[in-house]
Amino acid sequence: MPKMKTHKGTAKRIRTTKSGKVMRENAATHHKLSGQTARGKRAKAADSVVSGKIAKNMKKALGL
């Protein structure tokens, strides 16, 4: 059976930690920032952990 290819679109958007968690960037952090509160912008600046079946599918797309 051939090797699984890495899904490059997914690879550009997510990263994995050493413990195997899948991290993603939050939405709405690049433009139209004047309408957001400072607290909201700070909250979205941190990466979010992806969990459950979605994380499993992302790992499969990365070939992990």
N, C-alpha and C. Protein backbone atom coordinates (compact mmCIF):
# COMPACT_ATOMS: atom_id res chain seq x y z
N MET A 1 0.85 -1.19 0.00
CA MET A 1 0.00 0.00 0.00
C MET A 1 0.89 1.25 0.00
N PRO A 2 0.55 2.26 -0.80
CA PRO A 2 1.39 3.46 -0.86
C PRO A 2 1.29 4.29 0.40
N LYS A 3 2.28 5.16 0.57
CA LYS A 3 2.29 6.05 1.73
C LYS A 3 1.16 7.07 1.64
N MET A 4 0.69 7.53 2.81
CA MET A 4 -0.31 8.59 2.85
C MET A 4 0.38 9.91 2.59
N LYS A 5 -0.21 10.74 1.75
CA LYS A 5 0.33 12.07 1.50
C LYS A 5 -0.23 13.05 2.52
N THR A 6 0.61 14.00 2.93
CA THR A 6 0.19 15.05 3.85
C THR A 6 -0.75 16.00 3.11
N HIS A 7 -1.87 16.35 3.74
CA HIS A 7 -2.79 17.33 3.17
C HIS A 7 -2.20 18.71 3.47
N LYS A 8 -1.65 19.36 2.45
CA LYS A 8 -0.89 20.59 2.66
C LYS A 8 -1.74 21.74 3.17
N GLY A 9 -3.02 21.81 2.79
CA GLY A 9 -3.89 22.86 3.30
C GLY A 9 -4.08 22.75 4.80
N THR A 10 -4.21 21.52 5.28
CA THR A 10 -4.34 21.28 6.71
C THR A 10 -3.03 21.57 7.42
N ALA A 11 -1.92 21.17 6.82
CA ALA A 11 -0.61 21.35 7.44
C ALA A 11 -0.28 22.83 7.66
N LYS A 12 -0.80 23.70 6.80
CA LYS A 12 -0.53 25.13 6.94
C LYS A 12 -1.37 25.77 8.03
N ARG A 13 -2.46 25.11 8.43
CA ARG A 13 -3.40 25.74 9.36
C ARG A 13 -3.35 25.21 10.78
N ILE A 14 -2.83 24.00 10.97
CA ILE A 14 -2.80 23.44 12.31
C ILE A 14 -1.40 22.98 12.66
N ARG A 15 -1.18 22.79 13.97
CA ARG A 15 0.09 22.23 14.43
C ARG A 15 -0.22 21.27 15.56
N THR A 16 0.72 20.37 15.81
CA THR A 16 0.54 19.42 16.90
C THR A 16 1.58 19.70 17.98
N THR A 17 1.19 19.46 19.23
CA THR A 17 2.11 19.62 20.34
C THR A 17 2.88 18.32 20.53
N LYS A 18 3.87 18.33 21.42
CA LYS A 18 4.65 17.12 21.67
C LYS A 18 3.79 16.03 22.29
N SER A 19 2.77 16.43 23.04
CA SER A 19 1.89 15.43 23.66
C SER A 19 0.83 14.91 22.69
N GLY A 20 0.76 15.49 21.48
CA GLY A 20 -0.16 14.99 20.47
C GLY A 20 -1.44 15.77 20.32
N LYS A 21 -1.59 16.88 21.06
CA LYS A 21 -2.79 17.72 20.90
C LYS A 21 -2.72 18.46 19.58
N VAL A 22 -3.88 18.74 19.00
CA VAL A 22 -3.96 19.49 17.75
C VAL A 22 -4.37 20.91 18.09
N MET A 23 -3.58 21.89 17.63
CA MET A 23 -3.83 23.29 17.90
C MET A 23 -4.23 24.00 16.61
N ARG A 24 -5.16 24.96 16.73
CA ARG A 24 -5.57 25.75 15.57
C ARG A 24 -5.66 27.22 15.97
N GLU A 25 -5.62 28.09 14.97
CA GLU A 25 -5.77 29.52 15.21
C GLU A 25 -7.25 29.89 15.22
N ASN A 26 -7.62 30.84 16.03
CA ASN A 26 -9.01 31.27 16.10
C ASN A 26 -9.38 32.12 14.89
N ALA A 27 -10.66 32.15 14.57
CA ALA A 27 -11.16 32.93 13.45
C ALA A 27 -11.27 34.40 13.83
N ALA A 28 -11.43 35.26 12.84
CA ALA A 28 -11.69 36.70 13.01
C ALA A 28 -10.55 37.41 13.73
N THR A 29 -9.30 37.13 13.35
CA THR A 29 -8.16 37.77 14.01
C THR A 29 -7.31 38.59 13.06
N HIS A 30 -7.74 38.77 11.80
CA HIS A 30 -6.86 39.40 10.83
C HIS A 30 -7.37 40.73 10.27
N HIS A 31 -8.66 40.91 10.19
CA HIS A 31 -9.17 42.19 9.70
C HIS A 31 -10.49 42.49 10.40
N LYS A 32 -10.96 43.73 10.24
CA LYS A 32 -12.14 44.23 10.95
C LYS A 32 -11.93 44.16 12.46
N LEU A 33 -10.75 44.56 12.90
CA LEU A 33 -10.42 44.47 14.32
C LEU A 33 -10.96 45.64 15.13
N SER A 34 -11.29 46.74 14.47
CA SER A 34 -11.76 47.91 15.21
C SER A 34 -13.13 47.66 15.85
N GLY A 35 -13.89 46.75 15.32
CA GLY A 35 -15.19 46.44 15.89
C GLY A 35 -15.13 45.49 17.05
N GLN A 36 -13.96 44.94 17.35
CA GLN A 36 -13.81 44.00 18.45
C GLN A 36 -13.24 44.71 19.67
N THR A 37 -13.62 44.21 20.83
CA THR A 37 -13.08 44.77 22.06
C THR A 37 -11.64 44.27 22.24
N ALA A 38 -10.87 44.97 23.04
CA ALA A 38 -9.50 44.57 23.31
C ALA A 38 -9.47 43.20 24.00
N ARG A 39 -10.43 42.99 24.87
CA ARG A 39 -10.51 41.70 25.56
C ARG A 39 -10.78 40.56 24.58
N GLY A 40 -11.67 40.82 23.62
CA GLY A 40 -11.98 39.80 22.62
C GLY A 40 -10.80 39.49 21.73
N LYS A 41 -10.04 40.54 21.35
CA LYS A 41 -8.86 40.34 20.50
C LYS A 41 -7.79 39.54 21.23
N ARG A 42 -7.60 39.81 22.51
CA ARG A 42 -6.61 39.06 23.30
C ARG A 42 -7.03 37.60 23.43
N ALA A 43 -8.31 37.38 23.62
CA ALA A 43 -8.81 36.01 23.78
C ALA A 43 -8.61 35.20 22.50
N LYS A 44 -8.75 35.87 21.35
CA LYS A 44 -8.60 35.17 20.07
C LYS A 44 -7.14 35.03 19.66
N ALA A 45 -6.23 35.74 20.33
CA ALA A 45 -4.82 35.68 19.98
C ALA A 45 -4.22 34.31 20.33
N ALA A 46 -4.75 33.65 21.36
CA ALA A 46 -4.23 32.36 21.77
C ALA A 46 -4.79 31.26 20.86
N ASP A 47 -3.99 30.21 20.66
CA ASP A 47 -4.46 29.08 19.86
C ASP A 47 -5.47 28.25 20.65
N SER A 48 -6.34 27.55 19.93
CA SER A 48 -7.34 26.69 20.54
C SER A 48 -6.98 25.24 20.32
N VAL A 49 -7.39 24.39 21.26
CA VAL A 49 -7.16 22.95 21.14
C VAL A 49 -8.35 22.35 20.40
N VAL A 50 -8.07 21.50 19.43
CA VAL A 50 -9.11 20.77 18.70
C VAL A 50 -9.25 19.42 19.38
N SER A 51 -10.49 18.97 19.59
CA SER A 51 -10.68 17.72 20.30
C SER A 51 -11.67 16.83 19.55
N GLY A 52 -11.75 15.59 19.99
CA GLY A 52 -12.74 14.65 19.47
C GLY A 52 -12.43 14.13 18.09
N LYS A 53 -13.48 13.81 17.38
CA LYS A 53 -13.38 13.20 16.05
C LYS A 53 -12.68 14.12 15.05
N ILE A 54 -12.89 15.45 15.19
CA ILE A 54 -12.27 16.40 14.27
C ILE A 54 -10.76 16.33 14.39
N ALA A 55 -10.26 16.23 15.62
CA ALA A 55 -8.81 16.13 15.84
C ALA A 55 -8.27 14.85 15.22
N LYS A 56 -9.01 13.78 15.35
CA LYS A 56 -8.59 12.50 14.76
C LYS A 56 -8.50 12.61 13.24
N ASN A 57 -9.49 13.28 12.64
CA ASN A 57 -9.48 13.45 11.18
C ASN A 57 -8.32 14.34 10.74
N MET A 58 -8.00 15.37 11.51
CA MET A 58 -6.88 16.26 11.17
C MET A 58 -5.56 15.53 11.25
N LYS A 59 -5.39 14.70 12.28
CA LYS A 59 -4.16 13.92 12.39
C LYS A 59 -4.02 12.96 11.21
N LYS A 60 -5.12 12.39 10.79
CA LYS A 60 -5.10 11.49 9.63
C LYS A 60 -4.71 12.24 8.37
N ALA A 61 -5.19 13.48 8.23
CA ALA A 61 -4.84 14.31 7.06
C ALA A 61 -3.36 14.67 7.06
N LEU A 62 -2.77 14.77 8.25
CA LEU A 62 -1.34 15.08 8.36
C LEU A 62 -0.47 13.84 8.24
N GLY A 63 -1.10 12.68 8.29
CA GLY A 63 -0.34 11.44 8.20
C GLY A 63 0.27 11.03 9.52
N LEU A 64 -0.34 11.46 10.64
CA LEU A 64 0.17 11.09 11.97
C LEU A 64 -0.58 9.92 12.55
